[in-house]
């Protein structure tokens, strides 16, 4: 069995714990800008490790140092090959527990570990830290296992949206081709015309037909609107997490509209920006469904506290969202934005769509208040404070442009509310 992935979407903390839990034997290779590490596991225990950053790793201290460094990495790729260990490795006597090294490393770990510690503390009752740790680890380990195995259901792309996106991927499609597909769905047709004539999309003449909408708004704008209208189905029906999904969807709409609105300032394609904003948190919706499935199959998870579920949703939605993007054959820029927008740093070497998506995400964290159903929060940080954020730095925005962007937020939030209702 082979596993491959990116640290951005599957933190090393989780991978190490999962390898120990399921007692895997094999070699883990982790490659990052810092170094390349090779770590050998036997029935879940770490036997030895090597690194391009260390001269000698024969001792337990050396192995622990390599693992500790690896746990702190935020970027890179990993692969795990499940296979019997070479003879020169199996003769080694040390067997180190990943969990033990993780606990030792906690004091130096990054913000993801800080979040982990906080949720353990919240989940702990009557000072029983071990109980809080077990609650977090129970569901988290089950989720990580399913994600690494690819054992979760990705929603099918709705029929009309699938057909439209297939057409626009071709080089020789016509606007008539798009119109003929859209009019087969009366509900989407009516909703599309409604939005095509809204102040957000149409500053001029009345649009009274789909062919006219395609002609005046453009194929990509209409395609994105069809996808958006089609995906409303994922936040309907009976679902224990339905309200959570609705909130995620409303926020996604706001993010898409904001990304589209600031695309000119960020100097990126308007419709690609919209799609990035729409999809960066879509993995949360799929992840809620996975958690519900686990709760149904393993009833003891039903008592999991809200802080634990929130932590899991925030930690792993990028991995799930990236898988959805690949399955639906979304543009590479969208996949890049999904998997990197939460781990962005000021020295990241990525396309402009990633800092653009990251900035939109941060803006909505500031303005989007769930307690008031998406109405803007009027206590934002000062404009000058935005200048130090990674998204703003990478886009090379000035304070005047920040002011311009902030003025766009209320309209985007308001129209997202309309689209979600």
Foldseek 3Di string as FASTA:
>chain_A
DKFKDKCLQPQPLLVLVLCLVQQFFWWKWWDDPVWIKIWTGGGSWTQWMDIPVDDDTPDPVSRLVVSLVSNQDNTTMMMTDGDHDDPVRVVGDDTHHSVVSCVVSLVVHDPLSVLVQVQLVVQDDPPRSVRSNCLLCVLLSVLSVCLRVVNFDFDDQDDLLLQLVVQVVDDDHDLVSNQVSQVVDVVLFVVLLVVCQDVLNDPDDRDDGSSSSCVVRHSLVSSVSSSLLRVLVLLDDDAPCSVVLLLLQLLLQLQLSLQLVCCVVLVHDNSLSSLLSNQLLVLLSRVSVVLVVCCVVPVVSVPRDPSSSVSSSVSNSLSSSLVNCVVSVPDPLSNCLNSPLVPADLPDDDDLSNLSSNVSVVLCVFFQDVVVPQQGDPDGDDLVVVCPDSSCNVSVDDSVSSVVSNVVNRVSSVVSSVSSD
